[in-house]
Each structure stands twice: as C-alpha cells, then as structure tokens.
Amino acid sequence: MTRTTLFGRVAAALLVSAIPCAGLHAQAADPLASLSPDKRAFLSDAATLEKLGLTPEKVQIALAGRTPQQVDAYAAALMQLLEDAKFKPGRDAGEIALNPQARGFNSGTIVRPKILDKVKRDDGPFSLKRYMYQKAGVPTFADAPVAIRLEDLTAGKVDVAFVGVPLDFSSGWRDAKHAPEALRGMDGLVGADADGGVDPGLVLNLADYGNLTIDPMAPDRGLDHVRSMLADVAKAGVVPFVVGGDHTLMYPDVAAMVDAYGAGNVAVVQFDAHADAEENGDHLISDNQTLTRLLAENIVRPANVTHVGLRGRGATGAVKARLAAAGVKLVPMQAISEKGAVAATDAIVAGLRGGPANVFVSFDMSVLDPGDAPASGRPVPGGITMREAIPMVRRICSETKVVGFDLLDTAPILDPTYLTRLSANYILHACLSGIALRKAAATQTAAAR
C-alpha cells in the first residue's frame, strides 16, 4: 500500500468516525467495548496517543455514538499510521552514504605539523597585536594571545583556553556557526568584574585556541574530533571554554571531560530552557537529545546532572517526572522565580558538594529571557535575566572546581542589535571571574602556610 493510499484511508476513517450516527447501531457507553484487546489497549495508551495529538479522553469523545465498524476503522487507521511512520528497510535510506575512498576523507581533522611552520618560534601562546595599547586588529576571545598546539598551552601555563566550534546541527533556528567569530569581536570579555572584585585577565593565563573543524555536510562526523581535541586540552590541565555552536555540542564536551577525569568523576550543570532529553528521535544525536545520549551511554550519571531553568511547552509533566525519577536534579524556572536566584544558587552549589569534585557547566543561551538574548537557537519567554544569571554563574564557577564550560546556541544573524552577543560574553566573563576568584583564594591560602 502506498503512503498516498494509506493517508487517504486514514482520512476516510477519521471522517466517517466524525459523522453522527443518528442512533443507527449506537454503541453502549464505552465505545471501545467492541474492539479487540490490542486495539482497545492502543486507544487507551496515553503515551502512544500523545504522538497523535490525542488523549484517551479525546478518543472517548470522538467515538461516542459511533458504530462498532466505525470505531474499528478508526483504531485500525491510527495503528496503521504509526506503523507506516516507522523505518522500513528497502523503502527508507538508513543514512546518507559517505565515500570512504575519498583521498581527503579525514583531511579536515589533521593537525598541521610543526615542521611545516615557516617561522620557527618557541612553544607558547603568541600575540596578534600590532600596537601596545591596541583597540582594533585581529579579534581574539578576551584579547588573549593565540595558541594553536597543545605545546603552546603547556608552555604558556594556560589556565583557560577558548575554543570555537562553529556547529549548526539540528532543530533550532540556525546561525550558531557564526557565534565564535561574532563573540570574538564583541565587548564584554575584557576587564574587571565590578561585583566580583577581580580582573580575570590579570589572574588567569588565557589563550584563544582557535576553532575546531566541523564538516558542514555531515556535522555528526565532527563530534568525535571535538571530543578528542577537548579531552587533550583537559588532560593538559587547561580548562576549555567552548563557544558553540548549538547544544548538540554538550555531548562531546561532557564526554571529553569524562575521558580526561574518569567515569563518575564529572558533574554537569546544564543551564537550558529545554531538557534536551527527547526519546526515540529520528536521529541518534541532536540538540534535542543531548542529555538523552549522555545518560543512555552512561557517560554521566543522572544523579550527577543538575538542570537549571527548564520551562516552556516542551517541559511537560511527563518529561520532568522521567528525569526526576532517573535522579536528575531539577531547578526549573518556576523554582527560581518563586524562591529567588540566590536561594536557587545555594541549592545548586550545595548539591554539587555532595557529588564529583570536577564540574562542567553548559550554558545554553535559551535559558535567558529573550529580552536579554533574543537571538538564541530556541528562545522561550519567561527566562532568567542577566541580573540573575551573572551572579549565578560567577558563584558556581568560584565555589566549585569547574573543569570546563560551554556557551551554546548564540545565533547572531537573528539579532540585528548587539544585545545577545553582549550577554553571551558577559556570561563567559562571569565564569572567568569565578575561576579567577577561586585561583586567587587558593594562592592566598598557599602563601599563608
């Protein structure tokens, strides 16, 4: 049966079911009573019906007063519709084939060897500035010097390395791939934190580690490369600040931290309006499924995940109940609004003290209210304000051992102003300030001994 024929049959069945029967062969009070057990179970299963935009109650209303034949046709049509939606070998392509015989199949991820450098230099970050007090030039994150190899990070005793990953992968409004360049050229990452009382650029050794390569025609191919490169950065004792890119990146970012610090030794704080915990997606990885995959592959334990800012139409009771039952700590937007950001941060930090010492913070710009970040990949009204977000991030990064941070889903083309980019850089600066405060306190403690 072709799809056209099938959908025609479904439409006919639903149309017939909607025609009043004028008392002819009217059924008893329960319109499902005449159905076979499998069809009755199908039309009573809330989870299955949700995929069709129905509930058991809506089915009862739709079928009230219909004949047994019409009810049976209704159930059969819906069951066939879901069956037809499944993958069918021979009809559906499981994947778009790649060409493994291509001479440059892996050329995009090959790091350029030092022997090809035209200028010999000592290992370490190097400046791109022409002027002593430069206000314009080649932009870098936080005006930091550039590092292109791990030897540069090690020789420069770098504390934090910014890494751009221009990934536009999945379900959101597009343009996250331009965020690294846009944020490099935007204010907000340089100078003192007035509230924190520290200038992170004076306390921390910073470097811009450039962009990691992504295959724009098959972005999933690049995730393993991102994971490997970030794991090397972390193993060198450097904190990677990943600037994406959409929220798909949280998967290789967290996995890289686990590769570096060991299974069970990394806690995750996910700032996000969305759970990113969709099940049974058409693809096995997307921004909608990042947390799903991390948990399904046992890369991170549910009890070591704290989700902050969940809200919106996708934050259904079923989603929240499933995550809570698994052990994920939920701090939804409603709790922040009711208790206040300070109390919410107290709870987040207290919860982290009982888990792994190493903390990875993933900050999706959608967690912010669109008034402060209109150009996030999937904006949702009613979010955290920048007035709340800056101290929340600063505290988490100062009161816990943050080993990695990513800032995701800034989509510059969607914002004709500078607002989203400015907010994004201030969030990065807040965590930098927190890490600087933590380092300064540790230095003072060591000096007092």
Protein backbone atom coordinates (compact mmCIF):
# COMPACT_ATOMS: atom_id res chain seq x y z
CA MET A 1 0.00 0.00 0.00
CA THR A 2 1.42 3.41 -0.93
CA ARG A 3 1.61 6.26 1.54
CA THR A 4 -0.95 8.21 -0.50
CA THR A 5 -3.40 5.33 -0.29
CA LEU A 6 -2.73 4.89 3.41
CA PHE A 7 -3.29 8.52 4.30
CA GLY A 8 -6.41 8.55 2.16
CA ARG A 9 -7.68 5.59 4.15
CA VAL A 10 -6.82 7.30 7.43
CA ALA A 11 -8.62 10.47 6.36
CA ALA A 12 -11.66 8.49 5.30
CA ALA A 13 -11.75 6.58 8.57
CA LEU A 14 -11.48 9.72 10.65
CA LEU A 15 -14.13 11.43 8.54
CA VAL A 16 -16.54 8.53 8.94
CA SER A 17 -15.91 8.49 12.68
CA ALA A 18 -16.90 12.14 12.86
CA ILE A 19 -20.32 11.65 11.17
CA PRO A 20 -23.17 11.40 13.68
CA CYS A 21 -24.87 8.02 13.52
CA ALA A 22 -28.37 9.34 14.24
CA GLY A 23 -28.95 6.43 16.56
CA LEU A 24 -28.19 3.69 13.99
CA HIS A 25 -26.34 0.83 15.68
CA ALA A 26 -25.42 3.18 18.52
CA GLN A 27 -22.95 1.69 20.92
CA ALA A 28 -23.02 1.30 24.64
CA ALA A 29 -21.48 3.87 26.98
CA ASP A 30 -17.94 2.62 26.30
CA PRO A 31 -17.24 2.97 22.56
CA LEU A 32 -14.14 0.75 22.89
CA ALA A 33 -16.04 -2.22 24.30
CA SER A 34 -16.46 -3.93 20.92
CA LEU A 35 -12.78 -3.68 19.95
CA SER A 36 -10.24 -6.47 20.05
CA PRO A 37 -7.89 -6.37 23.06
CA ASP A 38 -4.95 -4.99 21.04
CA LYS A 39 -6.98 -2.14 19.55
CA ARG A 40 -8.58 -1.34 22.87
CA ALA A 41 -5.14 -1.19 24.52
CA PHE A 42 -3.88 1.03 21.70
CA LEU A 43 -6.68 3.58 22.11
CA SER A 44 -6.21 3.57 25.89
CA ASP A 45 -2.44 4.12 25.91
CA ALA A 46 -1.80 7.78 26.76
CA ALA A 47 1.86 7.73 25.66
CA THR A 48 1.02 6.32 22.24
CA LEU A 49 -1.91 8.65 21.69
CA GLU A 50 0.22 11.66 22.61
CA LYS A 51 2.21 11.11 19.40
CA LEU A 52 -1.04 11.65 17.50
CA GLY A 53 -2.09 14.69 19.49
CA LEU A 54 -4.76 12.70 21.31
CA THR A 55 -5.62 11.54 24.81
CA PRO A 56 -7.86 8.64 25.93
CA GLU A 57 -10.46 11.22 26.92
CA LYS A 58 -10.42 12.84 23.46
CA VAL A 59 -10.78 9.41 21.87
CA GLN A 60 -13.83 8.67 24.01
CA ILE A 61 -15.40 11.96 22.93
CA ALA A 62 -14.59 11.43 19.24
CA LEU A 63 -16.07 7.93 19.19
CA ALA A 64 -19.15 8.48 21.31
CA GLY A 65 -22.23 7.27 19.46
CA ARG A 66 -20.31 5.62 16.59
CA THR A 67 -20.97 2.16 15.26
CA PRO A 68 -18.60 -0.73 16.10
CA GLN A 69 -17.47 -0.75 12.45
CA GLN A 70 -16.57 2.94 12.55
CA VAL A 71 -14.71 2.56 15.85
CA ASP A 72 -12.77 -0.40 14.48
CA ALA A 73 -11.85 1.53 11.33
CA TYR A 74 -10.71 4.48 13.46
CA ALA A 75 -8.41 2.29 15.56
CA ALA A 76 -7.05 0.40 12.54
CA ALA A 77 -6.29 3.62 10.67
CA LEU A 78 -4.38 5.17 13.57
CA MET A 79 -2.45 1.96 14.20
CA GLN A 80 -1.51 1.75 10.54
CA LEU A 81 -0.49 5.40 10.54
CA LEU A 82 2.04 4.82 13.34
CA GLU A 83 3.25 1.63 11.68
CA ASP A 84 3.83 3.49 8.42
CA ALA A 85 5.84 6.13 10.27
CA LYS A 86 8.47 3.54 11.23
CA PHE A 87 11.67 2.87 9.36
CA LYS A 88 11.16 0.34 6.57
CA PRO A 89 14.23 -1.38 5.09
CA GLY A 90 14.17 -1.16 1.32
CA ARG A 91 11.86 1.83 1.37
CA ASP A 92 13.85 4.19 3.61
CA ALA A 93 17.55 5.05 3.49
CA GLY A 94 19.13 4.43 6.88
CA GLU A 95 21.84 7.01 6.24
CA ILE A 96 23.38 9.10 3.51
CA ALA A 97 26.40 7.17 2.29
CA LEU A 98 29.88 8.62 2.57
CA ASN A 99 32.78 7.96 0.23
CA PRO A 100 35.49 6.17 2.24
CA GLN A 101 37.67 6.02 -0.88
CA ALA A 102 37.99 9.80 -0.98
CA ARG A 103 41.66 10.79 -0.74
CA GLY A 104 40.86 13.55 1.73
CA PHE A 105 38.28 11.72 3.82
CA ASN A 106 39.89 12.80 7.11
CA SER A 107 41.77 15.83 5.83
CA GLY A 108 39.61 18.28 7.78
CA THR A 109 40.79 16.94 11.15
CA ILE A 110 44.51 16.55 10.51
CA VAL A 111 46.50 18.94 12.70
CA ARG A 112 49.21 20.77 10.78
CA PRO A 113 52.67 19.54 11.88
CA LYS A 114 55.21 21.98 13.28
CA ILE A 115 57.76 21.07 10.64
CA LEU A 116 55.67 22.99 8.09
CA ASP A 117 55.89 26.25 10.04
CA LYS A 118 57.70 28.90 8.02
CA VAL A 119 58.68 30.82 11.14
CA LYS A 120 60.37 28.94 13.96
CA ARG A 121 59.28 30.01 17.42
CA ASP A 122 59.34 28.81 20.98
CA ASP A 123 56.26 26.96 22.21
CA GLY A 124 53.68 29.14 23.95
CA PRO A 125 50.78 31.47 23.15
CA PHE A 126 51.68 34.38 20.86
CA SER A 127 50.08 37.80 20.43
CA LEU A 128 48.44 39.05 17.25
CA LYS A 129 48.62 42.67 18.37
CA ARG A 130 50.46 45.33 16.39
CA TYR A 131 50.07 48.17 18.88
CA MET A 132 50.98 48.28 22.55
CA TYR A 133 47.51 49.51 23.54
CA GLN A 134 45.56 48.07 20.66
CA LYS A 135 41.86 48.85 20.28
CA ALA A 136 41.41 47.22 16.89
CA GLY A 137 43.05 44.42 14.98
CA VAL A 138 42.65 40.67 14.64
CA PRO A 139 39.98 39.80 17.25
CA THR A 140 40.52 37.03 19.75
CA PHE A 141 38.50 35.90 22.76
CA ALA A 142 39.26 38.24 25.69
CA ASP A 143 42.02 39.82 23.57
CA ALA A 144 44.05 36.76 24.55
CA PRO A 145 47.13 35.51 22.72
CA VAL A 146 46.70 32.64 20.31
CA ALA A 147 47.67 29.01 20.86
CA ILE A 148 47.49 26.51 18.04
CA ARG A 149 49.02 23.39 19.58
CA LEU A 150 48.93 21.64 22.94
CA GLU A 151 52.60 22.52 23.40
CA ASP A 152 51.58 26.18 23.35
CA LEU A 153 49.06 25.65 26.14
CA THR A 154 51.53 23.72 28.26
CA ALA A 155 54.48 26.05 27.74
CA GLY A 156 52.32 29.08 28.50
CA LYS A 157 50.89 27.51 31.66
CA VAL A 158 47.45 28.41 30.32
CA ASP A 159 44.57 28.25 32.80
CA VAL A 160 41.68 28.74 30.38
CA ALA A 161 41.63 28.15 26.63
CA PHE A 162 38.76 29.44 24.49
CA VAL A 163 37.75 27.02 21.75
CA GLY A 164 35.30 27.93 18.99
CA VAL A 165 33.16 25.18 17.45
CA PRO A 166 31.03 26.56 14.57
CA LEU A 167 28.36 23.85 14.58
CA ASP A 168 24.88 24.28 13.09
CA PHE A 169 23.43 20.85 13.57
CA SER A 170 19.81 20.38 14.38
CA SER A 171 16.42 21.63 15.43
CA GLY A 172 16.85 25.27 16.40
CA TRP A 173 16.79 28.49 14.43
CA ARG A 174 20.07 28.48 12.53
CA ASP A 175 23.25 30.56 12.71
CA ALA A 176 25.03 29.18 15.76
CA LYS A 177 28.00 28.54 13.48
CA HIS A 178 28.78 32.25 13.34
CA ALA A 179 28.83 32.72 17.12
CA PRO A 180 32.59 32.18 17.70
CA GLU A 181 33.56 34.95 15.27
CA ALA A 182 30.79 37.26 16.48
CA LEU A 183 31.77 36.88 20.14
CA ARG A 184 35.47 37.36 19.43
CA GLY A 185 34.66 40.78 18.02
CA MET A 186 32.24 41.80 20.80
CA ASP A 187 32.80 43.61 24.08
CA GLY A 188 32.24 42.06 27.49
CA LEU A 189 35.11 39.60 27.89
CA VAL A 190 37.82 42.02 28.99
CA GLY A 191 38.31 43.92 32.23
CA ALA A 192 37.37 43.75 35.88
CA ASP A 193 34.26 42.19 37.35
CA ALA A 194 32.98 45.06 39.49
CA ASP A 195 30.85 42.83 41.73
CA GLY A 196 33.37 40.01 41.99
CA GLY A 197 36.24 42.40 42.60
CA VAL A 198 38.65 40.68 40.23
CA ASP A 199 40.01 41.13 36.72
CA PRO A 200 40.25 37.58 35.36
CA GLY A 201 42.70 38.67 32.68
CA LEU A 202 45.19 39.65 35.38
CA VAL A 203 44.76 36.49 37.45
CA LEU A 204 44.41 33.82 34.78
CA ASN A 205 46.62 32.87 31.85
CA LEU A 206 44.23 32.92 28.89
CA ALA A 207 44.59 31.75 25.32
CA ASP A 208 42.44 31.60 22.21
CA TYR A 209 42.84 28.05 20.90
CA GLY A 210 41.08 28.87 17.62
CA ASN A 211 38.19 26.98 16.05
CA LEU A 212 37.83 23.22 15.76
CA THR A 213 36.85 21.96 12.35
CA ILE A 214 33.32 20.77 11.53
CA ASP A 215 32.16 19.05 8.34
CA PRO A 216 29.22 21.25 7.25
CA MET A 217 27.80 18.49 5.06
CA ALA A 218 27.83 15.86 7.80
CA PRO A 219 28.28 17.66 11.13
CA ASP A 220 27.92 14.44 13.13
CA ARG A 221 31.28 13.36 11.70
CA GLY A 222 32.99 16.10 13.66
CA LEU A 223 31.73 15.19 17.12
CA ASP A 224 34.40 12.56 17.80
CA HIS A 225 37.09 15.02 16.70
CA VAL A 226 35.73 17.70 19.07
CA ARG A 227 35.68 15.15 21.88
CA SER A 228 39.26 14.08 21.27
CA MET A 229 40.64 17.61 20.98
CA LEU A 230 38.89 18.84 24.14
CA ALA A 231 39.98 15.77 26.09
CA ASP A 232 43.59 16.59 25.19
CA VAL A 233 43.10 20.16 26.42
CA ALA A 234 41.65 18.95 29.73
CA LYS A 235 44.38 16.33 30.19
CA ALA A 236 46.92 19.15 29.84
CA GLY A 237 45.38 20.74 32.93
CA VAL A 238 43.67 23.52 30.98
CA VAL A 239 40.01 24.50 31.39
CA PRO A 240 38.35 24.62 27.94
CA PHE A 241 35.78 27.35 27.36
CA VAL A 242 33.85 26.05 24.35
CA VAL A 243 31.92 28.61 22.33
CA GLY A 244 29.42 26.97 20.02
CA GLY A 245 27.59 26.07 18.05
CA ASP A 246 24.26 24.53 19.06
CA HIS A 247 23.54 22.39 22.11
CA THR A 248 24.49 19.17 20.35
CA LEU A 249 28.00 20.11 21.46
CA MET A 250 27.26 19.35 25.09
CA TYR A 251 27.57 15.67 24.18
CA PRO A 252 31.23 15.67 23.02
CA ASP A 253 32.12 18.39 25.55
CA VAL A 254 30.95 16.38 28.56
CA ALA A 255 32.28 13.14 27.10
CA ALA A 256 35.69 14.77 26.71
CA MET A 257 35.73 15.76 30.38
CA VAL A 258 34.87 12.19 31.36
CA ASP A 259 37.66 10.92 29.09
CA ALA A 260 40.06 13.21 30.91
CA TYR A 261 38.89 12.80 34.52
CA GLY A 262 37.33 9.34 34.52
CA ALA A 263 33.84 7.85 34.62
CA GLY A 264 31.81 9.02 37.59
CA ASN A 265 34.19 11.89 38.30
CA VAL A 266 32.35 14.70 36.46
CA ALA A 267 29.21 16.57 37.47
CA VAL A 268 27.21 18.58 34.93
CA VAL A 269 25.26 21.80 35.46
CA GLN A 270 23.06 22.41 32.43
CA PHE A 271 21.54 25.89 32.10
CA ASP A 272 18.84 25.44 29.47
CA ALA A 273 15.20 26.25 28.81
CA HIS A 274 14.94 22.80 27.23
CA ALA A 275 15.54 19.39 28.75
CA ASP A 276 17.26 18.11 25.60
CA ALA A 277 16.07 14.69 26.75
CA GLU A 278 13.86 13.69 23.82
CA GLU A 279 13.43 9.96 23.31
CA ASN A 280 13.03 7.99 20.08
CA GLY A 281 14.20 10.75 17.76
CA ASP A 282 14.76 10.11 14.05
CA HIS A 283 18.47 10.79 14.61
CA LEU A 284 20.57 9.39 17.44
CA ILE A 285 22.13 12.76 18.24
CA SER A 286 20.71 16.28 18.10
CA ASP A 287 20.37 19.25 20.41
CA ASN A 288 17.01 17.80 21.49
CA GLN A 289 18.67 14.55 22.58
CA THR A 290 22.00 15.59 24.06
CA LEU A 291 21.16 14.71 27.65
CA THR A 292 19.37 11.57 26.49
CA ARG A 293 22.51 10.27 24.82
CA LEU A 294 24.85 11.19 27.67
CA LEU A 295 22.66 9.24 30.09
CA ALA A 296 21.90 6.33 27.75
CA GLU A 297 25.62 5.76 27.13
CA ASN A 298 26.42 6.05 30.86
CA ILE A 299 28.85 8.87 30.12
CA VAL A 300 27.41 10.79 33.05
CA ARG A 301 25.20 9.53 35.85
CA PRO A 302 21.74 11.10 36.28
CA ALA A 303 22.46 11.91 39.93
CA ASN A 304 25.45 13.99 38.79
CA VAL A 305 23.35 16.21 36.49
CA THR A 306 21.73 19.45 37.66
CA HIS A 307 19.36 21.06 35.16
CA VAL A 308 18.64 24.76 35.63
CA GLY A 309 15.94 26.91 34.01
CA LEU A 310 13.63 24.30 32.46
CA ARG A 311 10.40 25.85 31.16
CA GLY A 312 8.12 26.17 28.16
CA ARG A 313 5.78 23.87 26.28
CA GLY A 314 8.33 21.10 25.99
CA ALA A 315 8.78 20.91 29.77
CA THR A 316 5.85 18.59 30.24
CA GLY A 317 5.00 16.86 33.48
CA ALA A 318 5.99 13.56 31.90
CA VAL A 319 9.46 14.86 30.94
CA LYS A 320 10.11 16.33 34.39
CA ALA A 321 8.83 13.20 36.12
CA ARG A 322 11.04 10.95 33.97
CA LEU A 323 14.19 12.99 34.65
CA ALA A 324 13.45 13.30 38.37
CA ALA A 325 12.77 9.57 38.64
CA ALA A 326 16.14 8.88 36.99
CA GLY A 327 17.85 11.05 39.60
CA VAL A 328 18.49 14.30 37.69
CA LYS A 329 18.34 17.35 39.98
CA LEU A 330 15.83 19.81 38.50
CA VAL A 331 15.85 23.53 39.25
CA PRO A 332 13.08 24.69 36.90
CA MET A 333 12.38 28.31 36.10
CA GLN A 334 9.34 28.26 38.35
CA ALA A 335 11.52 27.42 41.37
CA ILE A 336 13.93 30.25 40.53
CA SER A 337 11.02 32.69 40.19
CA GLU A 338 9.41 31.59 43.46
CA LYS A 339 12.49 31.19 45.66
CA GLY A 340 14.81 33.70 44.03
CA ALA A 341 18.11 33.26 42.21
CA VAL A 342 20.21 33.42 45.39
CA ALA A 343 18.33 30.57 47.07
CA ALA A 344 18.38 28.57 43.84
CA THR A 345 22.15 29.01 43.56
CA ASP A 346 22.58 27.99 47.20
CA ALA A 347 20.75 24.75 46.41
CA ILE A 348 22.76 24.12 43.22
CA VAL A 349 26.12 24.62 44.95
CA ALA A 350 25.09 22.53 47.96
CA GLY A 351 24.02 19.71 45.65
CA LEU A 352 27.32 19.81 43.80
CA ARG A 353 29.31 19.47 47.04
CA GLY A 354 27.89 16.00 47.51
CA GLY A 355 28.98 14.79 44.07
CA PRO A 356 32.11 14.59 41.92
CA ALA A 357 34.71 17.29 42.50
CA ASN A 358 35.01 18.14 38.80
CA VAL A 359 32.18 20.27 37.42
CA PHE A 360 31.29 21.02 33.82
CA VAL A 361 28.91 23.92 33.17
CA SER A 362 26.87 24.01 29.97
CA PHE A 363 25.12 27.33 29.37
CA ASP A 364 22.54 27.40 26.59
CA MET A 365 21.51 30.98 25.75
CA SER A 366 17.87 29.88 25.66
CA VAL A 367 17.91 29.79 29.46
CA LEU A 368 17.97 33.60 29.37
CA ASP A 369 14.81 35.60 28.86
CA PRO A 370 14.51 36.63 25.18
CA GLY A 371 14.54 40.24 26.39
CA ASP A 372 18.22 39.71 27.25
CA ALA A 373 19.03 37.22 24.48
CA PRO A 374 16.60 37.39 21.55
CA ALA A 375 18.96 35.50 19.25
CA SER A 376 19.19 32.13 20.96
CA GLY A 377 18.64 28.99 18.93
CA ARG A 378 15.29 28.12 20.53
CA PRO A 379 14.08 31.10 22.59
CA VAL A 380 11.43 30.62 25.28
CA PRO A 381 9.77 33.54 27.10
CA GLY A 382 9.96 33.87 30.88
CA GLY A 383 13.61 33.02 31.41
CA ILE A 384 16.43 34.03 33.73
CA THR A 385 17.50 37.65 33.44
CA MET A 386 21.12 38.71 33.06
CA ARG A 387 20.86 40.31 36.50
CA GLU A 388 20.21 36.82 37.88
CA ALA A 389 22.43 34.81 35.54
CA ILE A 390 25.73 36.65 36.08
CA PRO A 391 25.94 36.08 39.86
CA MET A 392 24.61 32.54 39.50
CA VAL A 393 27.36 31.61 37.03
CA ARG A 394 30.05 33.50 38.95
CA ARG A 395 29.20 31.69 42.18
CA ILE A 396 29.14 28.22 40.63
CA CYS A 397 32.49 28.87 38.96
CA SER A 398 34.07 30.26 42.14
CA GLU A 399 32.62 27.83 44.69
CA THR A 400 33.18 24.61 42.73
CA LYS A 401 36.04 23.20 40.70
CA VAL A 402 34.91 23.96 37.15
CA VAL A 403 36.95 21.93 34.67
CA GLY A 404 35.07 23.01 31.55
CA PHE A 405 32.44 25.47 30.35
CA ASP A 406 30.47 25.76 27.15
CA LEU A 407 28.32 28.60 25.90
CA LEU A 408 25.90 27.42 23.24
CA ASP A 409 23.14 28.50 20.88
CA THR A 410 24.02 32.11 20.20
CA ALA A 411 22.65 32.80 16.70
CA PRO A 412 23.99 36.25 15.71
CA ILE A 413 22.06 36.68 12.48
CA LEU A 414 18.76 36.57 14.38
CA ASP A 415 19.64 39.68 16.39
CA PRO A 416 20.04 42.96 14.44
CA THR A 417 21.47 44.55 17.59
CA TYR A 418 24.47 43.65 19.73
CA LEU A 419 22.39 42.52 22.74
CA THR A 420 22.66 38.72 22.51
CA ARG A 421 26.38 38.80 21.77
CA LEU A 422 26.98 41.21 24.65
CA SER A 423 25.02 38.99 27.03
CA ALA A 424 26.90 35.90 25.85
CA ASN A 425 30.30 37.47 26.51
CA TYR A 426 29.22 38.68 29.93
CA ILE A 427 28.21 35.12 30.83
CA LEU A 428 31.66 33.88 29.75
CA HIS A 429 33.24 36.70 31.76
CA ALA A 430 31.18 35.75 34.83
CA CYS A 431 32.60 32.23 34.85
CA LEU A 432 36.10 33.52 34.13
CA SER A 433 35.75 35.81 37.14
CA GLY A 434 34.58 32.92 39.30
CA ILE A 435 37.56 30.78 38.31
CA ALA A 436 39.87 33.74 38.92
CA LEU A 437 38.39 34.28 42.38
CA ARG A 438 38.92 30.61 43.18
CA LYS A 439 42.54 30.70 41.97
CA ALA A 440 43.26 33.90 43.89
CA ALA A 441 41.85 32.42 47.09
CA ALA A 442 43.91 29.25 46.64
CA THR A 443 47.05 31.33 46.03
CA GLN A 444 46.46 33.36 49.17
CA THR A 445 45.87 30.22 51.22
CA ALA A 446 49.06 28.65 49.93
CA ALA A 447 51.05 31.82 50.67
CA ALA A 448 49.74 31.94 54.24
CA ARG A 449 51.04 28.47 55.04
